[in-house]
């Protein structure tokens, strides 16, 4: 046998390793020890997977006015920490940024003391430095997949889109439901707003119908903005309400108008000029351009403090080519006793993913009997 030396002695035949055999055994033993140690180290390491990356760190590309898509800026500010939008009342002068997850929204009589309540949609994420109106995809329904609803044509010739999971038929015996009218931004479309807001699936889950207005030349006559719009869009909103009631059961005491950018400005005008029509209005990234100091309103205003298209503190807008009012003085546009809630967050001119929930949280408790008050 190679590596061994044979011999004879008193006990018979014997053998012992040669020098070469002893060296071979030492090398084999060393290799076995190293292999064992390597196995122990590998077993102690944590397993990793590319699927473990948090989606909260990804910022979807926002839709930009006049273009199908744009590259989004990386998350800054609130980021993935879940920071809440700050809650402000009209009388506070300092600018605000997101603070902590415990922040609450206030439902405050204009000029009064704020009383906060937790918001189910208080988490904010990301900012945008876009100088043009942009929309951020909703996280309520990330794919925002839906079957297209019929486009309804009014007697005036204008159209709107209606989404409802309850149709008005002779067999329907359920209760009438709230109606939300959504108004897109300048050079945006109804379809873009319904996609990024996630309002369709949210409406189905919370039991209301939603109608999407269609602006003439993708603009609204909000009282000085935007484009060359001269249409009577307050009358158009009235026509939508009347026509929707033909297709789905509507609770006339719970009609709400929500808008983005130029659409938000029209929502404020509707609050002024049709107080007997709507129970509450919601503004995202807009400013009130009209004044109705004798009308009490219920209004929630969501605005990014980094917005330069429609600056929160007012001033010149290069995009709109006009000067805008200061959001801090918004209460002066309406009658004392109005309920006005400001939700400020560290974002740009975008529709935040939590926006639809925040608007519903504020609007849902409001009814026309309690809010309509024209002096």
Protein backbone atom coordinates (compact mmCIF):
# COMPACT_ATOMS: atom_id res chain seq x y z
CA UNK A 1 0.00 0.00 0.00
CA UNK A 2 1.47 3.35 -1.03
CA UNK A 3 2.38 5.70 1.84
CA UNK A 4 2.90 2.84 4.34
CA UNK A 5 5.97 0.85 5.47
CA UNK A 6 5.64 -2.90 6.31
CA UNK A 7 7.63 -4.85 8.94
CA UNK A 8 7.59 -7.94 11.16
CA UNK A 9 7.92 -8.19 14.92
CA UNK A 10 6.83 -10.17 17.91
CA UNK A 11 3.19 -9.39 17.27
CA UNK A 12 3.36 -10.42 13.67
CA UNK A 13 3.22 -8.18 10.60
CA UNK A 14 2.88 -4.47 11.24
CA UNK A 15 2.95 -1.21 9.28
CA UNK A 16 3.24 2.48 9.92
CA UNK A 17 2.90 5.56 7.69
CA UNK A 18 5.85 6.68 5.70
CA UNK A 19 6.92 10.33 5.72
CA UNK A 20 4.96 10.95 2.50
CA UNK A 21 1.87 9.24 3.94
CA UNK A 22 1.97 11.31 7.10
CA UNK A 23 2.13 14.52 5.01
CA UNK A 24 -0.85 13.42 2.93
CA UNK A 25 -2.94 12.76 6.06
CA UNK A 26 -2.14 16.19 7.52
CA UNK A 27 -3.15 17.94 4.30
CA UNK A 28 -6.41 15.98 4.09
CA UNK A 29 -7.26 16.79 7.70
CA UNK A 30 -6.59 20.52 7.14
CA UNK A 31 -8.84 20.58 4.07
CA UNK A 32 -11.65 18.88 6.00
CA UNK A 33 -11.40 21.42 8.86
CA UNK A 34 -11.48 24.42 6.47
CA UNK A 35 -14.51 23.01 4.63
CA UNK A 36 -16.35 22.50 7.92
CA UNK A 37 -15.65 26.05 9.10
CA UNK A 38 -16.80 27.49 5.76
CA UNK A 39 -20.10 25.62 6.05
CA UNK A 40 -20.70 27.02 9.52
CA UNK A 41 -20.06 30.60 8.35
CA UNK A 42 -22.36 30.28 5.34
CA UNK A 43 -25.17 28.85 7.47
CA UNK A 44 -24.91 31.79 9.85
CA UNK A 45 -25.35 34.44 7.13
CA UNK A 46 -28.94 35.90 6.70
CA UNK A 47 -30.73 35.05 3.50
CA UNK A 48 -31.45 37.96 1.14
CA UNK A 49 -33.85 38.50 -1.74
CA UNK A 50 -34.38 41.29 -4.26
CA UNK A 51 -38.13 41.09 -3.51
CA UNK A 52 -37.55 42.49 -0.02
CA UNK A 53 -37.00 46.04 -1.32
CA UNK A 54 -39.70 48.30 0.12
CA UNK A 55 -42.05 49.83 -2.42
CA UNK A 56 -42.31 52.87 -0.13
CA UNK A 57 -38.89 53.96 -1.42
CA UNK A 58 -40.09 54.11 -5.02
CA UNK A 59 -41.60 57.30 -6.38
CA UNK A 60 -43.88 56.68 -9.41
CA UNK A 61 -43.53 59.11 -12.30
CA UNK A 62 -46.16 61.85 -12.09
CA UNK A 63 -48.34 62.88 -14.99
CA UNK A 64 -47.49 66.38 -16.19
CA UNK A 65 -49.80 68.85 -17.84
CA UNK A 66 -49.48 68.76 -21.59
CA UNK A 67 -47.33 65.58 -21.62
CA UNK A 68 -48.11 61.87 -21.17
CA UNK A 69 -45.46 61.29 -18.49
CA UNK A 70 -42.36 62.64 -16.80
CA UNK A 71 -39.52 61.33 -14.66
CA UNK A 72 -40.21 61.89 -10.98
CA UNK A 73 -37.70 63.34 -8.55
CA UNK A 74 -36.40 60.97 -5.85
CA UNK A 75 -38.23 61.10 -2.53
CA UNK A 76 -37.16 63.89 -0.19
CA UNK A 77 -38.71 65.46 2.86
CA UNK A 78 -41.19 62.99 4.32
CA UNK A 79 -39.72 60.15 2.24
CA UNK A 80 -40.65 56.68 3.43
CA UNK A 81 -40.75 57.65 7.08
CA UNK A 82 -44.53 58.03 7.06
CA UNK A 83 -44.46 61.65 8.20
CA UNK A 84 -47.91 63.20 8.40
CA UNK A 85 -48.98 66.39 6.66
CA UNK A 86 -49.12 69.28 9.09
CA UNK A 87 -52.51 70.66 10.07
CA UNK A 88 -53.03 74.36 9.86
CA UNK A 89 -55.78 76.84 10.57
CA UNK A 90 -56.24 79.98 8.44
CA UNK A 91 -55.00 82.28 11.20
CA UNK A 92 -51.51 80.73 11.49
CA UNK A 93 -48.81 82.76 9.75
CA UNK A 94 -45.76 80.45 9.64
CA UNK A 95 -45.22 77.92 6.86
CA UNK A 96 -45.47 74.26 7.73
CA UNK A 97 -43.83 70.98 6.76
CA UNK A 98 -44.64 67.40 7.73
CA UNK A 99 -43.92 66.65 11.37
CA UNK A 100 -44.72 63.24 12.83
CA UNK A 101 -47.11 60.31 12.31
CA UNK A 102 -49.23 61.60 15.20
CA UNK A 103 -50.13 64.85 13.45
CA UNK A 104 -53.88 65.46 13.01
CA UNK A 105 -56.09 67.49 10.75
CA UNK A 106 -58.20 70.29 12.12
CA UNK A 107 -61.79 71.13 11.34
CA UNK A 108 -61.77 74.73 12.45
CA UNK A 109 -64.21 77.61 12.27
CA UNK A 110 -62.45 80.46 10.49
CA UNK A 111 -60.56 82.51 13.03
CA UNK A 112 -61.44 80.08 15.84
CA UNK A 113 -59.52 77.55 17.91
CA UNK A 114 -58.45 74.40 16.15
CA UNK A 115 -59.76 71.03 17.28
CA UNK A 116 -57.88 68.14 15.68
CA UNK A 117 -59.01 64.63 14.92
CA UNK A 118 -56.93 61.76 13.56
CA UNK A 119 -56.99 61.29 9.82
CA UNK A 120 -57.11 57.89 8.19
CA UNK A 121 -55.11 59.32 5.30
CA UNK A 122 -52.54 61.37 7.18
CA UNK A 123 -49.36 59.73 5.87
CA UNK A 124 -47.53 61.76 3.25
CA UNK A 125 -44.66 60.74 1.02
CA UNK A 126 -42.34 62.45 -1.42
CA UNK A 127 -42.14 65.86 -3.04
CA UNK A 128 -41.89 67.18 -6.54
CA UNK A 129 -39.97 70.12 -7.95
CA UNK A 130 -42.11 70.21 -11.09
CA UNK A 131 -43.02 73.70 -12.26
CA UNK A 132 -46.15 72.54 -14.06
CA UNK A 133 -49.29 70.83 -12.78
CA UNK A 134 -48.53 67.17 -12.03
CA UNK A 135 -50.44 64.23 -10.66
CA UNK A 136 -49.00 61.44 -8.55
CA UNK A 137 -50.47 57.96 -8.92
CA UNK A 138 -52.68 56.87 -6.07
CA UNK A 139 -51.70 54.01 -3.75
CA UNK A 140 -55.37 53.15 -3.14
CA UNK A 141 -55.36 51.21 -6.42
CA UNK A 142 -51.78 51.12 -7.82
CA UNK A 143 -52.79 49.70 -11.20
CA UNK A 144 -55.92 51.88 -11.34
CA UNK A 145 -57.47 49.33 -13.70
CA UNK A 146 -61.14 49.86 -14.46
CA UNK A 147 -63.62 49.37 -17.22
CA UNK A 148 -64.45 52.65 -18.93
CA UNK A 149 -67.78 54.07 -17.80
CA UNK A 150 -70.15 55.69 -20.27
CA UNK A 151 -69.51 59.32 -21.17
CA UNK A 152 -72.71 61.27 -20.59
CA UNK A 153 -73.71 64.20 -22.76
CA UNK A 154 -75.69 67.08 -21.28
CA UNK A 155 -78.37 69.12 -23.04
CA UNK A 156 -75.81 71.93 -23.35
CA UNK A 157 -73.59 69.64 -25.43
CA UNK A 158 -70.89 69.28 -22.79
CA UNK A 159 -69.92 65.89 -21.38
CA UNK A 160 -68.82 64.28 -18.13
CA UNK A 161 -67.79 60.79 -16.99
CA UNK A 162 -69.75 58.93 -14.32
CA UNK A 163 -68.60 56.04 -12.15
CA UNK A 164 -71.10 54.26 -9.92
CA UNK A 165 -71.70 50.66 -8.86
CA UNK A 166 -75.41 51.35 -8.22
CA UNK A 167 -77.75 52.19 -11.07
CA UNK A 168 -81.11 53.89 -10.65
CA UNK A 169 -83.74 51.37 -11.72
CA UNK A 170 -87.38 50.75 -10.75
CA UNK A 171 -86.18 47.70 -8.82
CA UNK A 172 -83.63 49.59 -6.72
CA UNK A 173 -84.84 50.04 -3.15
CA UNK A 174 -81.63 51.16 -1.45
CA UNK A 175 -80.79 54.53 0.05
CA UNK A 176 -79.61 57.49 -1.98
CA UNK A 177 -75.85 57.97 -1.79
CA UNK A 178 -73.40 60.91 -1.73
CA UNK A 179 -72.08 62.30 -4.99
CA UNK A 180 -68.54 63.64 -5.51
CA UNK A 181 -67.75 65.78 -8.55
CA UNK A 182 -64.05 65.73 -9.48
CA UNK A 183 -62.50 68.60 -11.47
CA UNK A 184 -59.17 68.12 -13.26
CA UNK A 185 -56.33 70.64 -13.47
CA UNK A 186 -55.35 73.05 -16.22
CA UNK A 187 -54.28 71.09 -19.33
CA UNK A 188 -55.05 67.82 -17.55
CA UNK A 189 -57.98 65.54 -18.40
CA UNK A 190 -60.76 63.79 -16.53
CA UNK A 191 -59.21 60.42 -17.34
CA UNK A 192 -55.85 61.45 -15.89
CA UNK A 193 -57.45 62.60 -12.66
CA UNK A 194 -59.50 59.42 -12.23
CA UNK A 195 -56.39 57.31 -12.79
CA UNK A 196 -54.08 59.08 -10.34
CA UNK A 197 -56.62 59.80 -7.61
CA UNK A 198 -57.89 56.23 -7.31
CA UNK A 199 -61.36 57.70 -6.76
CA UNK A 200 -63.25 54.89 -8.54
CA UNK A 201 -62.23 52.08 -6.21
CA UNK A 202 -62.36 54.39 -3.19
CA UNK A 203 -65.92 55.42 -4.10
CA UNK A 204 -67.03 51.80 -4.41
CA UNK A 205 -65.51 50.98 -1.02
CA UNK A 206 -67.10 53.98 0.73
CA UNK A 207 -70.50 53.99 -0.94
CA UNK A 208 -70.65 57.09 -3.12
CA UNK A 209 -70.82 57.94 -6.81
CA UNK A 210 -68.18 60.04 -8.54
CA UNK A 211 -68.54 62.21 -11.63
CA UNK A 212 -65.57 63.63 -13.52
CA UNK A 213 -66.04 67.02 -15.13
CA UNK A 214 -64.57 67.80 -18.55
CA UNK A 215 -63.31 71.35 -18.95
CA UNK A 216 -63.58 73.19 -22.26
CA UNK A 217 -60.07 73.16 -23.78
CA UNK A 218 -58.92 71.44 -20.56
CA UNK A 219 -59.50 74.60 -18.51
CA UNK A 220 -62.02 75.98 -16.03
CA UNK A 221 -63.38 79.49 -15.57
CA UNK A 222 -62.49 79.81 -11.89
CA UNK A 223 -62.60 83.60 -11.74
CA UNK A 224 -59.38 84.82 -13.37
CA UNK A 225 -57.76 81.46 -14.19
CA UNK A 226 -56.99 79.63 -16.35
CA UNK A 227 -56.31 79.95 -20.06
CA UNK A 228 -59.01 81.78 -21.98
CA UNK A 229 -61.93 80.05 -20.26
CA UNK A 230 -65.11 82.13 -20.25
CA UNK A 231 -67.66 79.33 -19.83
CA UNK A 232 -70.22 79.28 -17.01
CA UNK A 233 -68.71 76.32 -15.21
CA UNK A 234 -70.78 76.78 -12.06
CA UNK A 235 -73.90 76.19 -14.18
CA UNK A 236 -72.12 73.19 -15.71
CA UNK A 237 -71.63 71.65 -12.25
CA UNK A 238 -75.34 72.15 -11.54
CA UNK A 239 -76.14 70.34 -14.80
CA UNK A 240 -73.93 67.41 -13.81
CA UNK A 241 -75.74 67.02 -10.49
CA UNK A 242 -79.13 67.01 -12.17
CA UNK A 243 -78.07 64.52 -14.84
CA UNK A 244 -76.28 62.12 -12.47
CA UNK A 245 -79.52 61.79 -10.47
CA UNK A 246 -81.09 60.24 -13.59
CA UNK A 247 -78.54 57.42 -13.58
CA UNK A 248 -77.82 56.66 -9.93
CA UNK A 249 -79.55 57.44 -6.61
CA UNK A 250 -78.14 60.72 -5.23
CA UNK A 251 -78.43 62.15 -1.72
CA UNK A 252 -78.90 65.85 -2.50
CA UNK A 253 -77.80 66.81 1.02
CA UNK A 254 -74.36 65.22 0.49
CA UNK A 255 -72.93 66.59 -2.75
CA UNK A 256 -69.21 67.42 -2.67
CA UNK A 257 -66.96 69.09 -5.25
CA UNK A 258 -63.22 68.29 -5.21
CA UNK A 259 -60.64 69.69 -7.63
CA UNK A 260 -56.95 69.81 -8.47
CA UNK A 261 -55.12 73.04 -9.36
CA UNK A 262 -57.42 75.00 -11.73
CA UNK A 263 -60.19 72.54 -10.80
CA UNK A 264 -59.63 73.36 -7.14
CA UNK A 265 -60.06 77.04 -7.94
CA UNK A 266 -63.41 76.24 -9.58
CA UNK A 267 -64.42 74.20 -6.51
CA UNK A 268 -63.94 77.32 -4.39
CA UNK A 269 -66.05 79.31 -6.85
CA UNK A 270 -68.81 76.70 -6.68
CA UNK A 271 -68.74 76.99 -2.88
CA UNK A 272 -69.28 80.74 -3.23
CA UNK A 273 -71.86 80.84 -5.99
CA UNK A 274 -73.79 77.61 -5.37
CA UNK A 275 -73.94 77.27 -1.57
CA UNK A 276 -77.34 75.60 -1.76
CA UNK A 277 -75.95 72.89 -4.05
CA UNK A 278 -72.87 71.51 -2.25
CA UNK A 279 -72.27 70.49 1.34
CA UNK A 280 -68.46 70.74 1.18
CA UNK A 281 -65.65 71.38 -1.27
CA UNK A 282 -62.07 70.15 -1.43
CA UNK A 283 -59.07 71.89 -2.98
CA UNK A 284 -55.74 70.27 -3.88
CA UNK A 285 -53.00 72.63 -5.04
CA UNK A 286 -55.31 75.55 -5.83
CA UNK A 287 -56.26 78.94 -4.41
CA UNK A 288 -59.60 80.68 -3.94
CA UNK A 289 -59.75 83.45 -6.57
CA UNK A 290 -63.28 84.65 -5.83
CA UNK A 291 -64.62 86.36 -2.75
CA UNK A 292 -67.99 85.79 -1.08
CA UNK A 293 -67.76 87.22 2.45
CA UNK A 294 -71.46 86.55 3.14
CA UNK A 295 -71.33 82.82 2.38
CA UNK A 296 -70.34 80.24 4.96
CA UNK A 297 -68.55 77.22 3.51
CA UNK A 298 -67.12 73.87 4.52
CA UNK A 299 -63.75 73.69 2.76
CA UNK A 300 -60.65 71.52 3.06
CA UNK A 301 -57.48 72.71 1.32
CA UNK A 302 -54.50 70.39 0.69
CA UNK A 303 -51.37 72.18 -0.49
CA UNK A 304 -47.67 71.42 -0.88
CA UNK A 305 -45.38 74.01 0.68
CA UNK A 306 -42.84 73.38 -2.12
CA UNK A 307 -45.43 74.19 -4.82
CA UNK A 308 -44.13 76.85 -7.22
CA UNK A 309 -46.88 76.47 -9.84
CA UNK A 310 -49.55 77.65 -7.39
CA UNK A 311 -47.50 78.90 -4.41
CA UNK A 312 -49.10 78.34 -1.01
CA UNK A 313 -48.12 81.82 0.19
CA UNK A 314 -49.20 83.36 -3.10
CA UNK A 315 -47.23 85.54 -5.50
CA UNK A 316 -46.28 85.28 -9.14
CA UNK A 317 -46.64 81.99 -11.03
CA UNK A 318 -44.39 81.66 -14.07
CA UNK A 319 -46.49 78.80 -15.37
CA UNK A 320 -49.85 80.55 -15.10
CA UNK A 321 -48.41 84.02 -15.84
CA UNK A 322 -50.42 85.62 -13.06
CA UNK A 323 -50.24 86.59 -9.41
CA UNK A 324 -52.04 84.39 -6.90
CA UNK A 325 -53.40 85.10 -3.39
CA UNK A 326 -51.88 83.92 -0.11
CA UNK A 327 -53.41 80.71 1.20
CA UNK A 328 -52.97 81.93 4.78
CA UNK A 329 -55.61 84.62 4.19
CA UNK A 330 -58.11 82.26 2.59
CA UNK A 331 -60.65 82.66 5.41
CA UNK A 332 -61.11 86.30 4.38
CA UNK A 333 -62.83 85.12 1.18
CA UNK A 334 -65.72 83.59 3.12
CA UNK A 335 -68.15 84.49 5.90
CA UNK A 336 -67.13 84.23 9.57
CA UNK A 337 -68.07 80.84 10.95
CA UNK A 338 -66.93 78.96 7.84
CA UNK A 339 -65.27 75.62 8.52
CA UNK A 340 -61.91 75.71 6.76
CA UNK A 341 -59.20 73.08 7.17
CA UNK A 342 -55.68 73.45 5.76
CA UNK A 343 -53.52 70.35 5.27
CA UNK A 344 -49.96 71.39 4.41
CA UNK A 345 -47.26 68.95 3.43
CA UNK A 346 -43.71 69.08 2.10
CA UNK A 347 -44.66 68.48 -1.52
CA UNK A 348 -44.89 70.17 -4.88
CA UNK A 349 -47.74 70.70 -7.35
CA UNK A 350 -49.03 67.14 -7.33
CA UNK A 351 -52.04 65.13 -6.21
CA UNK A 352 -50.71 63.16 -3.19
CA UNK A 353 -51.56 59.47 -2.92
CA UNK A 354 -53.35 60.04 0.40
CA UNK A 355 -55.39 62.97 -0.97
CA UNK A 356 -58.62 61.10 -1.77
CA UNK A 357 -58.87 59.76 1.79
CA UNK A 358 -58.20 63.13 3.37
CA UNK A 359 -60.88 64.81 1.25
CA UNK A 360 -63.42 62.13 2.16
CA UNK A 361 -62.56 62.29 5.88
CA UNK A 362 -63.41 65.99 5.89
CA UNK A 363 -66.42 65.93 3.55
CA UNK A 364 -68.30 62.81 4.61
CA UNK A 365 -69.67 64.25 7.91
CA UNK A 366 -70.89 67.44 6.16
CA UNK A 367 -74.52 67.75 5.06
CA UNK A 368 -76.18 70.53 3.13
CA UNK A 369 -78.68 71.39 5.87
CA UNK A 370 -75.83 72.10 8.27
CA UNK A 371 -73.55 73.91 5.82
CA UNK A 372 -75.80 76.03 3.57
CA UNK A 373 -75.96 79.50 5.07
CA UNK A 374 -76.28 82.57 2.89
CA UNK A 375 -76.68 85.87 4.72
